[in-house]
Amino acid sequence: MTVEDISTKFNAAWTAVSAVAAVVIAFISTLVSSPPTLWRDAGSQPIFISYLVTVTVAAGMCSALVGKTTSHPTIRSPTTGLVLAGILATVAYFVLASELSCPFVDNRMSIGWTYLPAAAEYVTKNPQLSCSLLIADFVGDTDNIWPRGQIIGSWLIVLALYLAAISILSTIVVRIMQSLTAS
């Protein structure tokens, strides 16, 4: 057995562990929180597609980062940086998801920041409306309240943070597993 064979088997084993960790964490994260939907007529994307994208990104990131080490003098462990990045990405996701979306029925809907003329007039007449009630009064058609470009922009920001947080958390789990088996 050559060094290349051992290296190939090791990389294949950690790629498999990374994929399993990504699948488990993506499943759990979908149960805990998922990105908001666009507007009602856009239809909600099948949960399987967002789950598949999350698993693919998380597994790829895990495989790419799990074996990396650092020679930076102030960072003692790359895992420390990953934990900080994971906390930052998770907090940023929840904060921005609450700012760039509103609850509607059993989901959150992405929103914009500038009202369309009809919606601006409606809000002027009904200043006490919450975001959720405004969406309900427009029957979930957020694209009749805010421009579609803003809604898509908000959705993409929240989705990117969601994928980053899940991927980093998956990588942290794999790193912990890796350090436990190395001991």
Protein backbone atom coordinates (compact mmCIF):
# COMPACT_ATOMS: atom_id res chain seq x y z
CA MET A 1 0.00 0.00 0.00
CA THR A 2 1.44 3.37 -1.02
CA VAL A 3 1.09 6.76 0.63
CA GLU A 4 -1.18 7.85 -2.20
CA ASP A 5 -3.53 4.93 -1.53
CA ILE A 6 -3.71 5.78 2.17
CA SER A 7 -4.27 9.46 1.38
CA THR A 8 -7.03 8.61 -1.10
CA LYS A 9 -8.79 6.34 1.42
CA PHE A 10 -8.48 8.98 4.15
CA ASN A 11 -9.89 11.70 1.90
CA ALA A 12 -12.72 9.43 0.77
CA ALA A 13 -13.57 8.56 4.38
CA TRP A 14 -13.71 12.21 5.46
CA THR A 15 -15.69 13.14 2.37
CA ALA A 16 -18.27 10.50 3.37
CA VAL A 17 -18.32 11.75 6.99
CA SER A 18 -18.69 15.32 5.69
CA ALA A 19 -21.62 14.31 3.52
CA VAL A 20 -23.35 12.51 6.40
CA ALA A 21 -22.83 15.51 8.72
CA ALA A 22 -24.14 17.85 6.05
CA VAL A 23 -27.26 15.72 5.51
CA VAL A 24 -28.01 15.48 9.23
CA ILE A 25 -27.44 19.17 9.90
CA ALA A 26 -29.37 20.23 6.80
CA PHE A 27 -32.30 18.06 7.92
CA ILE A 28 -32.23 19.49 11.45
CA SER A 29 -31.84 23.08 10.19
CA THR A 30 -34.83 22.68 7.89
CA LEU A 31 -36.89 21.65 10.91
CA VAL A 32 -35.63 24.57 13.02
CA SER A 33 -35.69 27.35 10.45
CA SER A 34 -35.71 27.72 6.70
CA PRO A 35 -35.37 30.68 4.35
CA PRO A 36 -38.51 32.70 3.60
CA THR A 37 -40.55 32.27 0.44
CA LEU A 38 -40.89 34.84 -2.31
CA TRP A 39 -44.39 35.99 -3.22
CA ARG A 40 -47.55 33.87 -3.28
CA ASP A 41 -47.78 33.44 -7.07
CA ALA A 42 -44.13 32.38 -7.22
CA GLY A 43 -45.22 29.29 -5.36
CA SER A 44 -43.19 27.84 -2.59
CA GLN A 45 -40.20 25.87 -3.72
CA PRO A 46 -40.35 22.21 -2.87
CA ILE A 47 -38.62 21.53 0.46
CA PHE A 48 -36.58 18.83 -1.27
CA ILE A 49 -34.87 21.35 -3.58
CA SER A 50 -33.77 23.66 -0.76
CA TYR A 51 -32.72 20.62 1.25
CA LEU A 52 -30.68 19.27 -1.68
CA VAL A 53 -28.97 22.63 -2.27
CA THR A 54 -28.17 22.94 1.45
CA VAL A 55 -26.71 19.42 1.59
CA THR A 56 -24.64 19.98 -1.55
CA VAL A 57 -23.17 23.28 -0.38
CA ALA A 58 -22.56 22.01 3.17
CA ALA A 59 -20.92 18.77 2.03
CA GLY A 60 -18.72 20.61 -0.43
CA MET A 61 -17.64 23.15 2.17
CA CYS A 62 -17.02 20.42 4.75
CA SER A 63 -14.89 18.45 2.34
CA ALA A 64 -12.91 21.53 1.38
CA LEU A 65 -12.31 22.86 4.89
CA VAL A 66 -12.24 19.87 7.19
CA GLY A 67 -8.57 19.01 6.86
CA LYS A 68 -7.19 22.55 6.63
CA THR A 69 -4.77 23.82 9.24
CA THR A 70 -3.46 27.27 9.91
CA SER A 71 -0.02 28.64 10.52
CA HIS A 72 -1.30 32.05 11.63
CA PRO A 73 0.33 32.95 14.98
CA THR A 74 -2.79 34.43 16.61
CA ILE A 75 -5.19 31.65 15.61
CA ARG A 76 -4.49 28.60 17.73
CA SER A 77 -6.95 26.36 15.98
CA PRO A 78 -8.84 26.69 12.71
CA THR A 79 -11.84 25.33 14.58
CA THR A 80 -11.88 28.44 16.77
CA GLY A 81 -12.24 30.59 13.67
CA LEU A 82 -14.93 28.29 12.33
CA VAL A 83 -16.88 28.47 15.59
CA LEU A 84 -16.73 32.27 15.54
CA ALA A 85 -17.74 32.33 11.86
CA GLY A 86 -20.56 29.87 12.61
CA ILE A 87 -21.90 31.99 15.45
CA LEU A 88 -21.63 35.15 13.36
CA ALA A 89 -23.35 33.60 10.32
CA THR A 90 -26.13 32.08 12.44
CA VAL A 91 -26.84 35.31 14.32
CA ALA A 92 -26.67 37.32 11.08
CA TYR A 93 -29.09 34.88 9.45
CA PHE A 94 -31.69 35.13 12.21
CA VAL A 95 -31.37 38.93 12.51
CA LEU A 96 -31.59 39.57 8.76
CA ALA A 97 -34.30 36.95 8.29
CA SER A 98 -36.43 38.79 10.84
CA GLU A 99 -35.70 42.15 9.18
CA LEU A 100 -36.06 41.08 5.54
CA SER A 101 -39.15 38.89 5.91
CA CYS A 102 -42.50 38.87 7.69
CA PRO A 103 -44.56 36.01 9.08
CA PHE A 104 -47.52 35.03 6.94
CA VAL A 105 -49.67 31.94 7.53
CA ASP A 106 -47.16 29.20 8.49
CA ASN A 107 -44.15 30.67 6.76
CA ARG A 108 -42.10 33.83 6.35
CA MET A 109 -42.32 35.91 3.18
CA SER A 110 -39.45 37.96 1.81
CA ILE A 111 -40.12 41.68 1.69
CA GLY A 112 -38.64 44.79 0.12
CA TRP A 113 -37.93 48.20 1.60
CA THR A 114 -39.75 50.61 -0.76
CA TYR A 115 -43.51 50.33 -1.16
CA LEU A 116 -45.13 50.29 -4.58
CA PRO A 117 -47.53 53.26 -5.10
CA ALA A 118 -50.73 51.33 -4.32
CA ALA A 119 -49.20 49.81 -1.19
CA ALA A 120 -47.79 53.18 -0.07
CA GLU A 121 -51.26 54.69 -0.36
CA TYR A 122 -52.77 51.78 1.58
CA VAL A 123 -50.16 52.07 4.35
CA THR A 124 -50.77 55.83 4.58
CA LYS A 125 -54.48 55.16 5.14
CA ASN A 126 -53.74 52.33 7.62
CA PRO A 127 -50.59 53.34 9.54
CA GLN A 128 -51.22 50.88 12.40
CA LEU A 129 -50.80 47.80 10.18
CA SER A 130 -48.04 45.39 10.99
CA CYS A 131 -46.06 43.79 8.21
CA SER A 132 -47.98 40.52 8.61
CA LEU A 133 -51.36 42.24 8.43
CA LEU A 134 -50.26 44.22 5.39
CA ILE A 135 -49.30 40.99 3.60
CA ALA A 136 -52.60 39.43 4.69
CA ASP A 137 -54.55 42.42 3.33
CA PHE A 138 -52.78 41.88 0.00
CA VAL A 139 -53.56 38.13 0.21
CA GLY A 140 -49.90 37.14 0.33
CA ASP A 141 -49.02 38.94 -2.89
CA THR A 142 -45.88 40.63 -1.62
CA ASP A 143 -44.99 41.54 -5.21
CA ASN A 144 -47.99 43.92 -5.10
CA ILE A 145 -46.48 45.63 -2.03
CA TRP A 146 -42.75 45.78 -2.83
CA PRO A 147 -40.85 45.58 -6.14
CA ARG A 148 -39.92 42.04 -7.13
CA GLY A 149 -36.25 42.97 -7.45
CA GLN A 150 -36.14 44.03 -3.80
CA ILE A 151 -37.96 40.88 -2.69
CA ILE A 152 -35.55 38.68 -4.65
CA GLY A 153 -32.57 40.65 -3.30
CA SER A 154 -33.77 40.17 0.29
CA TRP A 155 -34.40 36.50 -0.34
CA LEU A 156 -30.94 35.97 -1.85
CA ILE A 157 -29.23 37.67 1.11
CA VAL A 158 -31.13 35.54 3.62
CA LEU A 159 -30.58 32.36 1.57
CA ALA A 160 -26.83 33.03 1.31
CA LEU A 161 -26.57 33.54 5.08
CA TYR A 162 -28.64 30.40 5.67
CA LEU A 163 -26.37 28.31 3.45
CA ALA A 164 -23.25 29.83 5.03
CA ALA A 165 -24.48 29.16 8.57
CA ILE A 166 -25.49 25.57 7.84
CA SER A 167 -22.28 24.85 5.93
CA ILE A 168 -20.08 26.27 8.68
CA LEU A 169 -22.01 24.39 11.38
CA SER A 170 -21.63 21.17 9.37
CA THR A 171 -17.90 21.80 9.06
CA ILE A 172 -17.63 22.40 12.82
CA VAL A 173 -19.35 19.07 13.53
CA VAL A 174 -16.96 17.27 11.18
CA ARG A 175 -13.97 19.02 12.79
CA ILE A 176 -15.13 17.93 16.24
CA MET A 177 -15.60 14.37 14.99
CA GLN A 178 -12.16 14.52 13.42
CA SER A 179 -10.52 15.75 16.64
CA LEU A 180 -12.28 13.08 18.71
CA THR A 181 -11.08 10.28 16.46
CA ALA A 182 -7.53 11.68 16.42
CA SER A 183 -7.34 11.50 20.23
